[in-house]
Amino acid sequence: MYKLCYFVPESHLEQTKQAIFETGAGRVGDYDSCAWQTRGQGQFRPLDGSRPYLGQQGAVEKVDEYKVELVCTDDVIRLAIGALKQAHPYEEPAYDVFRMEAFE
């Protein structure tokens, strides 16, 4: 089991979640479409050679974004990351993948 966390502007929040859920990620027991999301502010500076969705090369851009966290089984984690990259507006979306251990 994995936990996938990613950052996305509000304009693409629902679109990215839906794409990831369609891979089978976000399932917990008898529930699907499970996620935690929090609003915050991200920042970045596009460098030479970038093609930013927001902002301009050389200038720091601050953007209201959401951090989304959801669980994903071993068999769909790669599909979920692919769906995230496909649905996300940023040239290089920021995301983390954590391996989870089960304790009984």
C-alpha atoms as a PDB file:
ATOM      1  CA  MET A   1       0.000   0.000   0.000  1.00  0.00           C
ATOM      2  CA  TYR A   2       1.159   3.520  -0.796  1.00  0.00           C
ATOM      3  CA  LYS A   3       0.159   7.044   0.096  1.00  0.00           C
ATOM      4  CA  LEU A   4       0.215   9.484  -2.818  1.00  0.00           C
ATOM      5  CA  CYS A   5       0.428  13.196  -1.992  1.00  0.00           C
ATOM      6  CA  TYR A   6       0.383  15.929  -4.605  1.00  0.00           C
ATOM      7  CA  PHE A   7      -0.064  19.675  -4.988  1.00  0.00           C
ATOM      8  CA  VAL A   8      -2.469  21.196  -7.508  1.00  0.00           C
ATOM      9  CA  PRO A   9      -4.085  24.569  -8.208  1.00  0.00           C
ATOM     10  CA  GLU A  10      -7.780  24.745  -7.365  1.00  0.00           C
ATOM     11  CA  SER A  11      -8.642  24.964 -11.075  1.00  0.00           C
ATOM     12  CA  HIS A  12      -7.554  21.320 -11.529  1.00  0.00           C
ATOM     13  CA  LEU A  13      -8.363  19.871  -8.089  1.00  0.00           C
ATOM     14  CA  GLU A  14     -11.431  17.845  -9.061  1.00  0.00           C
ATOM     15  CA  GLN A  15     -10.050  16.883 -12.470  1.00  0.00           C
ATOM     16  CA  THR A  16      -6.875  15.354 -10.999  1.00  0.00           C
ATOM     17  CA  LYS A  17      -8.719  13.540  -8.211  1.00  0.00           C
ATOM     18  CA  GLN A  18     -11.203  12.032 -10.669  1.00  0.00           C
ATOM     19  CA  ALA A  19      -8.433  10.847 -12.995  1.00  0.00           C
ATOM     20  CA  ILE A  20      -6.615   9.192 -10.098  1.00  0.00           C
ATOM     21  CA  PHE A  21      -9.784   7.636  -8.650  1.00  0.00           C
ATOM     22  CA  GLU A  22     -10.541   6.094 -12.056  1.00  0.00           C
ATOM     23  CA  THR A  23      -7.329   4.037 -11.731  1.00  0.00           C
ATOM     24  CA  GLY A  24      -8.661   2.431  -8.541  1.00  0.00           C
ATOM     25  CA  ALA A  25      -6.677   4.608  -6.129  1.00  0.00           C
ATOM     26  CA  GLY A  26      -8.412   6.144  -3.104  1.00  0.00           C
ATOM     27  CA  ARG A  27     -10.152   2.952  -1.966  1.00  0.00           C
ATOM     28  CA  VAL A  28     -10.384   2.113   1.729  1.00  0.00           C
ATOM     29  CA  GLY A  29     -12.368  -0.998   2.594  1.00  0.00           C
ATOM     30  CA  ASP A  30     -15.887  -0.611   1.218  1.00  0.00           C
ATOM     31  CA  TYR A  31     -15.347   3.052   0.266  1.00  0.00           C
ATOM     32  CA  ASP A  32     -13.904   4.719  -2.804  1.00  0.00           C
ATOM     33  CA  SER A  33     -12.995   8.290  -3.784  1.00  0.00           C
ATOM     34  CA  CYS A  34     -11.311   8.704  -0.379  1.00  0.00           C
ATOM     35  CA  ALA A  35      -8.881  11.609  -0.051  1.00  0.00           C
ATOM     36  CA  TRP A  36      -7.711  14.310   2.326  1.00  0.00           C
ATOM     37  CA  GLN A  37      -7.151  17.792   0.965  1.00  0.00           C
ATOM     38  CA  THR A  38      -5.878  20.975   2.527  1.00  0.00           C
ATOM     39  CA  ARG A  39      -5.506  24.433   1.056  1.00  0.00           C
ATOM     40  CA  GLY A  40      -2.206  26.251   1.147  1.00  0.00           C
ATOM     41  CA  GLN A  41       0.145  28.366  -0.886  1.00  0.00           C
ATOM     42  CA  GLY A  42       2.895  27.044  -3.126  1.00  0.00           C
ATOM     43  CA  GLN A  43       5.695  28.945  -4.757  1.00  0.00           C
ATOM     44  CA  PHE A  44       8.130  28.350  -7.586  1.00  0.00           C
ATOM     45  CA  ARG A  45      10.342  30.207 -10.040  1.00  0.00           C
ATOM     46  CA  PRO A  46      10.328  29.037 -13.656  1.00  0.00           C
ATOM     47  CA  LEU A  47      13.877  28.818 -15.020  1.00  0.00           C
ATOM     48  CA  ASP A  48      15.191  29.219 -18.569  1.00  0.00           C
ATOM     49  CA  GLY A  49      13.846  26.452 -20.784  1.00  0.00           C
ATOM     50  CA  SER A  50      10.650  26.000 -18.762  1.00  0.00           C
ATOM     51  CA  ARG A  51       7.146  26.349 -20.149  1.00  0.00           C
ATOM     52  CA  PRO A  52       5.196  27.389 -17.040  1.00  0.00           C
ATOM     53  CA  TYR A  53       1.440  26.994 -16.812  1.00  0.00           C
ATOM     54  CA  LEU A  54       1.489  29.977 -14.433  1.00  0.00           C
ATOM     55  CA  GLY A  55       4.038  32.732 -13.949  1.00  0.00           C
ATOM     56  CA  GLN A  56       6.983  33.951 -15.967  1.00  0.00           C
ATOM     57  CA  GLN A  57      10.541  32.735 -16.305  1.00  0.00           C
ATOM     58  CA  GLY A  58      12.815  34.233 -13.680  1.00  0.00           C
ATOM     59  CA  ALA A  59      10.035  35.477 -11.388  1.00  0.00           C
ATOM     60  CA  VAL A  60       8.870  33.796  -8.184  1.00  0.00           C
ATOM     61  CA  GLU A  61       5.193  32.873  -8.489  1.00  0.00           C
ATOM     62  CA  LYS A  62       2.951  32.246  -5.465  1.00  0.00           C
ATOM     63  CA  VAL A  63      -0.202  30.246  -6.054  1.00  0.00           C
ATOM     64  CA  ASP A  64      -3.140  29.041  -3.973  1.00  0.00           C
ATOM     65  CA  GLU A  65      -2.974  25.258  -4.213  1.00  0.00           C
ATOM     66  CA  TYR A  66      -4.347  22.155  -2.573  1.00  0.00           C
ATOM     67  CA  LYS A  67      -2.370  19.287  -1.105  1.00  0.00           C
ATOM     68  CA  VAL A  68      -4.223  16.058  -1.795  1.00  0.00           C
ATOM     69  CA  GLU A  69      -3.426  12.786  -0.015  1.00  0.00           C
ATOM     70  CA  LEU A  70      -4.862   9.367  -0.820  1.00  0.00           C
ATOM     71  CA  VAL A  71      -4.013   5.697  -0.515  1.00  0.00           C
ATOM     72  CA  CYS A  72      -3.182   3.439  -3.406  1.00  0.00           C
ATOM     73  CA  THR A  73      -2.565  -0.292  -3.687  1.00  0.00           C
ATOM     74  CA  ASP A  74       0.644  -1.697  -5.124  1.00  0.00           C
ATOM     75  CA  ASP A  75      -1.031  -2.783  -8.359  1.00  0.00           C
ATOM     76  CA  VAL A  76      -2.303   0.703  -9.312  1.00  0.00           C
ATOM     77  CA  ILE A  77       0.314   3.146  -7.958  1.00  0.00           C
ATOM     78  CA  ARG A  78       2.050   3.546 -11.333  1.00  0.00           C
ATOM     79  CA  LEU A  79      -1.298   4.028 -13.087  1.00  0.00           C
ATOM     80  CA  ALA A  80      -2.287   6.635 -10.483  1.00  0.00           C
ATOM     81  CA  ILE A  81       0.942   8.608 -11.000  1.00  0.00           C
ATOM     82  CA  GLY A  82       0.477   8.443 -14.769  1.00  0.00           C
ATOM     83  CA  ALA A  83      -3.102   9.707 -14.430  1.00  0.00           C
ATOM     84  CA  LEU A  84      -1.919  12.529 -12.159  1.00  0.00           C
ATOM     85  CA  LYS A  85       0.713  13.641 -14.670  1.00  0.00           C
ATOM     86  CA  GLN A  86      -1.803  13.482 -17.524  1.00  0.00           C
ATOM     87  CA  ALA A  87      -4.506  15.507 -15.728  1.00  0.00           C
ATOM     88  CA  HIS A  88      -2.236  18.022 -13.982  1.00  0.00           C
ATOM     89  CA  PRO A  89      -1.686  21.412 -15.654  1.00  0.00           C
ATOM     90  CA  TYR A  90       1.910  21.888 -14.480  1.00  0.00           C
ATOM     91  CA  GLU A  91       4.841  20.895 -16.655  1.00  0.00           C
ATOM     92  CA  GLU A  92       6.358  19.094 -13.648  1.00  0.00           C
ATOM     93  CA  PRO A  93       3.779  18.375 -10.935  1.00  0.00           C
ATOM     94  CA  ALA A  94       5.074  18.061  -7.377  1.00  0.00           C
ATOM     95  CA  TYR A  95       4.128  14.790  -5.701  1.00  0.00           C
ATOM     96  CA  ASP A  96       5.383  12.334  -3.072  1.00  0.00           C
ATOM     97  CA  VAL A  97       4.886   8.590  -2.778  1.00  0.00           C
ATOM     98  CA  PHE A  98       5.225   6.909   0.618  1.00  0.00           C
ATOM     99  CA  ARG A  99       5.244   3.159   1.199  1.00  0.00           C
ATOM    100  CA  MET A 100       2.916   2.252   4.043  1.00  0.00           C
ATOM    101  CA  GLU A 101       3.296  -0.670   6.422  1.00  0.00           C
ATOM    102  CA  ALA A 102       0.400  -2.538   8.011  1.00  0.00           C
ATOM    103  CA  PHE A 103       0.442  -2.997  11.782  1.00  0.00           C
ATOM    104  CA  GLU A 104      -1.968  -5.355  13.469  1.00  0.00           C
END
